[in-house]
Structures are given as structure tokens and as C-alpha cells.
N, C-alpha and C. Protein backbone atom coordinates (compact mmCIF):
# COMPACT_ATOMS: atom_id res chain seq x y z
N MET A 1 -207.32 -78.84 -50.10
CA MET A 1 -206.41 -77.64 -49.55
C MET A 1 -204.76 -77.65 -49.21
N VAL A 2 -203.92 -76.49 -50.18
CA VAL A 2 -202.58 -76.71 -50.08
C VAL A 2 -201.95 -76.12 -49.12
N GLN A 3 -201.25 -76.92 -48.32
CA GLN A 3 -201.02 -75.27 -47.00
C GLN A 3 -199.70 -74.98 -46.67
N LYS A 4 -199.81 -73.31 -46.53
CA LYS A 4 -198.61 -72.83 -46.47
C LYS A 4 -197.03 -73.06 -45.70
N VAL A 5 -195.96 -73.58 -46.76
CA VAL A 5 -195.33 -74.41 -45.44
C VAL A 5 -193.26 -73.61 -46.18
N LEU A 6 -193.36 -72.74 -44.74
CA LEU A 6 -192.07 -72.04 -44.30
C LEU A 6 -190.72 -73.14 -44.25
N LEU A 7 -189.81 -72.68 -45.05
CA LEU A 7 -188.50 -73.61 -44.44
C LEU A 7 -187.45 -72.34 -44.07
N SER A 8 -186.26 -73.09 -43.33
CA SER A 8 -185.92 -72.15 -43.15
C SER A 8 -184.31 -73.19 -42.54
N LYS A 9 -183.00 -73.25 -42.47
CA LYS A 9 -182.12 -74.02 -41.45
C LYS A 9 -182.07 -73.87 -40.30
N VAL A 10 -181.85 -74.61 -39.25
CA VAL A 10 -181.86 -74.53 -37.86
C VAL A 10 -180.65 -75.52 -37.68
N LYS A 11 -180.69 -75.84 -36.15
CA LYS A 11 -179.73 -76.62 -35.52
C LYS A 11 -180.21 -78.28 -36.22
N TYR A 12 -178.90 -79.10 -36.27
CA TYR A 12 -179.27 -80.49 -36.51
C TYR A 12 -179.89 -81.12 -38.20
N HIS A 13 -179.87 -79.65 -38.82
CA HIS A 13 -180.26 -79.52 -40.17
C HIS A 13 -181.57 -79.40 -40.65
N ASN A 14 -182.48 -79.59 -39.30
CA ASN A 14 -183.71 -80.12 -39.72
C ASN A 14 -184.52 -78.75 -40.06
N LYS A 15 -185.30 -78.67 -40.71
CA LYS A 15 -185.72 -77.66 -41.35
C LYS A 15 -187.34 -77.40 -40.96
N LYS A 16 -186.94 -75.82 -39.82
CA LYS A 16 -188.35 -75.49 -39.38
C LYS A 16 -189.40 -75.45 -40.63
N CYS A 17 -190.92 -75.11 -40.55
CA CYS A 17 -191.45 -75.29 -41.73
C CYS A 17 -193.19 -74.57 -40.53
N GLU A 18 -193.81 -74.45 -41.35
CA GLU A 18 -195.09 -73.87 -41.10
C GLU A 18 -196.39 -74.29 -41.35
N TYR A 19 -197.59 -74.96 -40.75
CA TYR A 19 -198.42 -75.79 -41.25
C TYR A 19 -199.95 -74.86 -40.47
N LYS A 20 -200.71 -74.55 -40.95
CA LYS A 20 -201.93 -73.98 -40.89
C LYS A 20 -201.78 -72.86 -39.35
N GLY A 21 -200.32 -72.53 -40.08
CA GLY A 21 -200.79 -71.04 -38.92
C GLY A 21 -199.48 -71.77 -37.78
N LEU A 22 -199.41 -72.46 -37.93
CA LEU A 22 -198.51 -73.64 -36.36
C LEU A 22 -196.99 -74.05 -36.80
N LYS A 23 -196.25 -73.28 -36.54
CA LYS A 23 -194.49 -73.44 -36.37
C LYS A 23 -193.75 -74.56 -36.02
N PHE A 24 -192.90 -74.76 -36.41
CA PHE A 24 -192.55 -76.38 -36.11
C PHE A 24 -190.93 -76.08 -36.46
N ASP A 25 -190.81 -77.02 -35.93
CA ASP A 25 -189.10 -77.19 -35.26
C ASP A 25 -188.95 -77.93 -36.15
N SER A 26 -189.36 -79.20 -37.27
CA SER A 26 -188.57 -80.04 -38.43
C SER A 26 -190.29 -80.13 -38.99
N LEU A 27 -189.78 -80.76 -40.43
CA LEU A 27 -190.48 -81.24 -41.36
C LEU A 27 -191.15 -83.04 -40.52
N LYS A 28 -190.32 -83.64 -39.87
CA LYS A 28 -190.78 -84.79 -38.98
C LYS A 28 -192.23 -84.55 -38.42
N GLU A 29 -191.42 -83.60 -37.42
CA GLU A 29 -192.78 -82.86 -36.26
C GLU A 29 -193.76 -82.86 -36.18
N ARG A 30 -193.75 -81.81 -38.16
CA ARG A 30 -195.31 -81.68 -38.75
C ARG A 30 -196.08 -82.42 -38.89
N ASN A 31 -195.09 -83.55 -39.69
CA ASN A 31 -196.16 -84.67 -40.32
C ASN A 31 -196.76 -85.24 -39.37
N HIS A 32 -195.68 -85.37 -37.84
CA HIS A 32 -196.38 -86.01 -36.90
C HIS A 32 -197.71 -84.96 -35.89
N TYR A 33 -197.54 -83.99 -36.43
CA TYR A 33 -199.03 -83.31 -36.26
C TYR A 33 -199.88 -83.81 -37.27
N ILE A 34 -199.87 -83.72 -37.89
CA ILE A 34 -200.70 -84.03 -39.08
C ILE A 34 -201.31 -85.14 -38.58
N VAL A 35 -200.71 -86.55 -38.22
CA VAL A 35 -201.35 -87.76 -38.11
C VAL A 35 -201.66 -87.79 -36.88
N LEU A 36 -201.55 -87.28 -35.32
CA LEU A 36 -202.04 -87.25 -33.93
C LEU A 36 -203.34 -86.09 -34.38
N GLU A 37 -203.55 -85.05 -35.40
CA GLU A 37 -204.68 -84.13 -35.98
C GLU A 37 -205.77 -85.12 -35.95
N HIS A 38 -205.40 -86.18 -36.70
CA HIS A 38 -206.62 -86.64 -37.52
C HIS A 38 -206.98 -88.29 -36.58
N LEU A 39 -206.54 -88.34 -35.63
CA LEU A 39 -206.50 -89.54 -34.17
C LEU A 39 -207.67 -88.84 -33.65
N GLU A 40 -206.97 -87.18 -33.15
CA GLU A 40 -208.14 -86.12 -32.47
C GLU A 40 -209.55 -86.30 -33.41
N LYS A 41 -209.76 -85.27 -35.08
CA LYS A 41 -210.32 -86.04 -35.28
C LYS A 41 -211.67 -87.05 -35.73
N THR A 42 -210.67 -87.95 -35.31
CA THR A 42 -212.01 -89.36 -35.61
C THR A 42 -212.12 -90.05 -34.35
N GLY A 43 -211.31 -89.16 -32.46
CA GLY A 43 -211.87 -89.73 -31.53
C GLY A 43 -210.85 -90.43 -30.44
N GLN A 44 -209.43 -91.07 -31.76
CA GLN A 44 -208.81 -92.06 -31.37
C GLN A 44 -208.10 -91.65 -30.09
N ILE A 45 -207.53 -90.10 -30.17
CA ILE A 45 -206.64 -89.32 -28.90
C ILE A 45 -207.71 -87.97 -28.16
N LYS A 46 -207.55 -87.75 -27.95
CA LYS A 46 -208.53 -86.39 -27.22
C LYS A 46 -207.43 -85.55 -26.83
N ASP A 47 -207.26 -84.03 -26.63
CA ASP A 47 -206.98 -82.93 -25.19
C ASP A 47 -205.71 -82.73 -26.29
N LEU A 48 -205.29 -82.78 -27.40
CA LEU A 48 -203.81 -82.91 -28.00
C LEU A 48 -203.16 -81.52 -27.65
N LYS A 49 -202.68 -81.25 -27.16
CA LYS A 49 -201.70 -79.64 -27.46
C LYS A 49 -200.10 -80.29 -28.42
N ARG A 50 -199.66 -78.73 -27.82
CA ARG A 50 -198.33 -78.84 -28.87
C ARG A 50 -196.85 -77.64 -27.43
N GLN A 51 -195.65 -78.27 -27.68
CA GLN A 51 -194.89 -77.20 -27.05
C GLN A 51 -195.28 -77.22 -25.18
N VAL A 52 -195.47 -78.22 -24.98
CA VAL A 52 -196.21 -78.72 -23.30
C VAL A 52 -194.59 -78.54 -22.51
N LYS A 53 -194.94 -77.58 -21.68
CA LYS A 53 -193.75 -77.28 -20.18
C LYS A 53 -194.54 -78.72 -19.24
N PHE A 54 -192.44 -78.87 -19.11
CA PHE A 54 -193.07 -79.80 -17.64
C PHE A 54 -192.00 -79.26 -16.63
N GLU A 55 -192.23 -79.29 -15.49
CA GLU A 55 -190.66 -78.67 -14.84
C GLU A 55 -190.04 -79.76 -14.24
N LEU A 56 -188.95 -79.81 -14.48
CA LEU A 56 -188.40 -80.92 -13.99
C LEU A 56 -187.33 -80.69 -12.67
N GLN A 57 -186.74 -79.20 -12.34
CA GLN A 57 -186.33 -78.80 -10.89
C GLN A 57 -186.41 -77.49 -10.91
N PRO A 58 -187.06 -77.32 -9.56
CA PRO A 58 -187.49 -75.69 -9.51
C PRO A 58 -186.80 -74.82 -9.50
N SER A 59 -186.70 -73.82 -9.48
CA SER A 59 -185.82 -72.14 -9.79
C SER A 59 -185.65 -72.01 -8.23
N PHE A 60 -184.14 -71.83 -7.43
CA PHE A 60 -183.73 -71.59 -6.67
C PHE A 60 -183.11 -71.15 -6.60
N LYS A 61 -182.40 -70.23 -5.04
CA LYS A 61 -181.46 -69.26 -4.53
C LYS A 61 -180.22 -70.15 -3.96
N LEU A 62 -179.56 -69.96 -4.73
CA LEU A 62 -177.98 -69.95 -3.97
C LEU A 62 -176.64 -68.86 -4.10
N ASN A 63 -176.87 -67.96 -2.80
CA ASN A 63 -175.46 -67.26 -2.23
C ASN A 63 -176.32 -65.56 -2.71
N GLY A 64 -177.36 -65.78 -3.12
CA GLY A 64 -178.23 -64.20 -3.49
C GLY A 64 -177.72 -64.80 -5.32
N LYS A 65 -177.82 -65.31 -5.98
CA LYS A 65 -177.79 -65.81 -6.96
C LYS A 65 -179.26 -66.70 -7.33
N THR A 66 -179.99 -66.07 -8.07
CA THR A 66 -180.84 -66.69 -8.10
C THR A 66 -180.34 -67.96 -9.53
N ILE A 67 -181.16 -69.25 -9.03
CA ILE A 67 -180.43 -70.54 -10.55
C ILE A 67 -181.94 -70.67 -10.61
N ARG A 68 -181.97 -70.67 -12.75
CA ARG A 68 -182.91 -70.66 -12.85
C ARG A 68 -183.67 -72.65 -13.19
N ALA A 69 -185.11 -72.25 -12.73
CA ALA A 69 -184.93 -73.84 -12.80
C ALA A 69 -184.94 -74.44 -14.03
N ILE A 70 -185.37 -75.86 -14.67
CA ILE A 70 -184.96 -76.51 -15.62
C ILE A 70 -185.94 -77.49 -16.31
N ASN A 71 -186.41 -77.12 -17.00
CA ASN A 71 -188.03 -77.47 -18.17
C ASN A 71 -187.83 -78.32 -18.95
N TYR A 72 -188.58 -79.63 -18.98
CA TYR A 72 -188.07 -80.20 -20.54
C TYR A 72 -190.09 -79.56 -21.27
N ILE A 73 -189.16 -79.60 -22.37
CA ILE A 73 -190.49 -79.44 -23.60
C ILE A 73 -191.06 -80.43 -23.98
N ALA A 74 -192.16 -80.50 -24.29
CA ALA A 74 -192.45 -82.41 -25.19
C ALA A 74 -193.44 -81.49 -26.16
N ASP A 75 -192.84 -81.79 -27.53
CA ASP A 75 -193.48 -81.32 -28.43
C ASP A 75 -195.11 -81.54 -28.68
N PHE A 76 -196.11 -82.75 -28.00
CA PHE A 76 -197.18 -82.83 -28.16
C PHE A 76 -197.36 -83.06 -26.86
N THR A 77 -198.90 -83.28 -26.40
CA THR A 77 -199.32 -83.82 -25.52
C THR A 77 -200.69 -84.62 -25.86
N TYR A 78 -201.16 -85.16 -25.49
CA TYR A 78 -202.41 -85.71 -25.59
C TYR A 78 -203.11 -87.03 -24.46
N LEU A 79 -204.13 -86.93 -24.33
CA LEU A 79 -204.71 -87.94 -23.88
C LEU A 79 -205.84 -89.33 -25.24
N LYS A 80 -204.82 -90.31 -23.99
CA LYS A 80 -205.80 -91.87 -25.61
C LYS A 80 -206.08 -92.72 -24.06
N ASP A 81 -207.06 -93.13 -24.02
CA ASP A 81 -208.04 -94.45 -22.72
C ASP A 81 -207.79 -93.80 -21.57
N ASN A 82 -208.10 -92.17 -21.78
CA ASN A 82 -207.71 -91.05 -20.41
C ASN A 82 -206.40 -90.84 -19.91
N LYS A 83 -204.97 -92.12 -20.02
CA LYS A 83 -203.91 -91.05 -19.69
C LYS A 83 -202.74 -90.48 -20.56
N LEU A 84 -202.18 -89.47 -20.13
CA LEU A 84 -201.51 -88.71 -20.47
C LEU A 84 -200.77 -89.26 -21.47
N VAL A 85 -200.33 -89.44 -22.80
CA VAL A 85 -198.69 -90.02 -23.51
C VAL A 85 -198.17 -88.74 -23.74
N VAL A 86 -197.32 -88.34 -23.92
CA VAL A 86 -196.54 -87.15 -24.05
C VAL A 86 -194.91 -88.12 -25.11
N VAL A 87 -194.89 -87.09 -26.23
CA VAL A 87 -194.42 -87.37 -27.20
C VAL A 87 -193.30 -86.02 -27.26
N ASP A 88 -191.76 -86.79 -28.24
CA ASP A 88 -190.87 -86.00 -28.20
C ASP A 88 -190.30 -86.45 -29.64
N VAL A 89 -190.80 -85.75 -30.94
CA VAL A 89 -190.31 -85.88 -32.03
C VAL A 89 -188.71 -86.06 -32.44
N LYS A 90 -188.02 -87.04 -32.62
CA LYS A 90 -186.86 -87.69 -32.28
C LYS A 90 -186.18 -87.83 -33.46
N SER A 91 -184.59 -87.52 -34.33
CA SER A 91 -183.66 -87.18 -35.17
C SER A 91 -182.81 -88.46 -34.21
N GLU A 92 -181.95 -89.55 -35.33
CA GLU A 92 -181.28 -90.50 -34.71
C GLU A 92 -180.31 -89.63 -33.63
N ILE A 93 -179.56 -88.52 -34.63
CA ILE A 93 -178.91 -87.43 -34.20
C ILE A 93 -179.25 -86.18 -32.54
N THR A 94 -180.39 -86.63 -32.96
CA THR A 94 -180.64 -85.95 -31.30
C THR A 94 -181.78 -86.47 -30.40
N ARG A 95 -181.15 -88.06 -30.66
CA ARG A 95 -181.85 -88.75 -29.45
C ARG A 95 -180.35 -89.31 -29.01
N LYS A 96 -179.23 -89.10 -29.16
CA LYS A 96 -178.03 -89.17 -28.90
C LYS A 96 -177.40 -87.76 -27.71
N ASP A 97 -178.23 -86.68 -27.99
CA ASP A 97 -178.22 -85.35 -27.36
C ASP A 97 -177.64 -85.40 -25.99
N LYS A 98 -176.98 -85.39 -25.26
CA LYS A 98 -176.77 -84.91 -23.96
C LYS A 98 -177.66 -85.26 -23.04
N VAL A 99 -177.74 -83.56 -22.85
CA VAL A 99 -179.30 -82.40 -22.58
C VAL A 99 -180.04 -82.88 -22.71
N TYR A 100 -180.62 -83.76 -24.39
CA TYR A 100 -182.03 -84.78 -23.41
C TYR A 100 -181.87 -85.85 -23.14
N SER A 101 -181.01 -86.45 -23.13
CA SER A 101 -181.17 -87.64 -22.48
C SER A 101 -181.03 -87.27 -20.58
N LEU A 102 -180.20 -86.46 -20.36
CA LEU A 102 -180.36 -85.93 -19.03
C LEU A 102 -181.47 -85.43 -18.64
N LYS A 103 -182.38 -85.11 -19.36
CA LYS A 103 -183.80 -84.69 -19.31
C LYS A 103 -184.87 -85.74 -19.53
N LYS A 104 -184.65 -86.51 -19.88
CA LYS A 104 -185.81 -87.35 -20.04
C LYS A 104 -185.57 -88.38 -19.21
N LYS A 105 -184.43 -88.61 -18.33
CA LYS A 105 -184.19 -89.38 -16.94
C LYS A 105 -184.91 -88.83 -16.35
N MET A 106 -184.37 -87.10 -15.77
CA MET A 106 -185.52 -86.61 -14.85
C MET A 106 -186.81 -86.63 -15.17
N PHE A 107 -187.09 -86.07 -16.23
CA PHE A 107 -188.73 -86.48 -16.53
C PHE A 107 -189.24 -87.60 -16.04
N GLN A 108 -188.57 -88.51 -16.38
CA GLN A 108 -189.24 -90.36 -16.10
C GLN A 108 -189.07 -90.34 -14.50
N TYR A 109 -188.26 -90.26 -13.37
CA TYR A 109 -187.78 -89.85 -12.09
C TYR A 109 -189.46 -89.26 -11.55
N LYS A 110 -189.43 -87.32 -12.50
CA LYS A 110 -190.47 -87.01 -11.17
C LYS A 110 -191.82 -87.22 -11.95
N TYR A 111 -191.91 -87.47 -12.34
CA TYR A 111 -193.39 -88.06 -12.95
C TYR A 111 -193.96 -89.20 -13.31
N GLY A 112 -192.49 -90.17 -13.33
CA GLY A 112 -193.40 -91.60 -13.43
C GLY A 112 -193.58 -92.35 -14.51
N MET A 113 -192.97 -91.79 -15.83
CA MET A 113 -193.85 -92.20 -17.22
C MET A 113 -192.80 -91.79 -18.00
N ASP A 114 -192.42 -92.96 -19.17
CA ASP A 114 -191.67 -92.32 -20.03
C ASP A 114 -192.15 -91.66 -21.16
N ILE A 115 -191.18 -91.13 -22.20
CA ILE A 115 -192.15 -90.28 -22.84
C ILE A 115 -191.71 -91.31 -24.40
N VAL A 116 -193.56 -90.78 -25.45
CA VAL A 116 -192.95 -92.04 -26.71
C VAL A 116 -191.59 -90.47 -27.48
N GLU A 117 -191.04 -91.82 -27.94
CA GLU A 117 -190.11 -91.02 -29.15
C GLU A 117 -190.34 -91.57 -30.37
N VAL A 118 -190.03 -90.67 -31.14
CA VAL A 118 -191.39 -91.02 -32.63
C VAL A 118 -189.90 -90.68 -33.54
């Protein structure tokens, strides 16, 4: 069965696309989802989720103004051997993004685990 793929240009020259009605930020992300979907179907992983939000710093008030929370959104999470795995699909360009690098460090500090970069 051929799946409909919707393409458009976005930041970092990746192409947004769609697979089984799900929207992905890049072809690489969609392709990795297909691999993870197969692993889940074959019982190698379980509880596959997309676009999972992790709070790195809560919102707070300062001088009467609300400062927004800082969140990291993982591309995928799943359980392997009953341990949470957090995955971010990255190109060489996005690996060097300063905001991502800072959020990755904050995530590692707060949650005591690494992000698997694909």
C-alpha cells in the first residue's frame, strides 16, 4: 500500500511530510518512525509516542510578568526493556543548533538521561 506523502519546504531545508495521516518535520523523521513502528509491531519496543513534551523549567512570575516555561519536545519516546528511550532525529546542521544544545543539557541534568540522536 502506498502512503500519501505531503511535502513542503521549512527551516533547515528539510521537507515536511505526512504518513498514515501523521505529520512529520522531515523525511528522515518519518523514515525513523517507520522503523520504530516495525520494532513496536514485532515486540522489540513498546509504548511508542511522538512529540512528547518534557518540562525543563516551569513558568514563573518576575516583576508582575509571567515568564514562560522552557520545554523540550522529543520526536519519539518508547520503552525498551522497561526503560524509557528518548529520541530526537537530527541532521548535522540541527545538531549544532545552540538552542537545542542548551535544552539537551537541561534535559540531561533534570531527567538524568541522554537523548538518542538519530
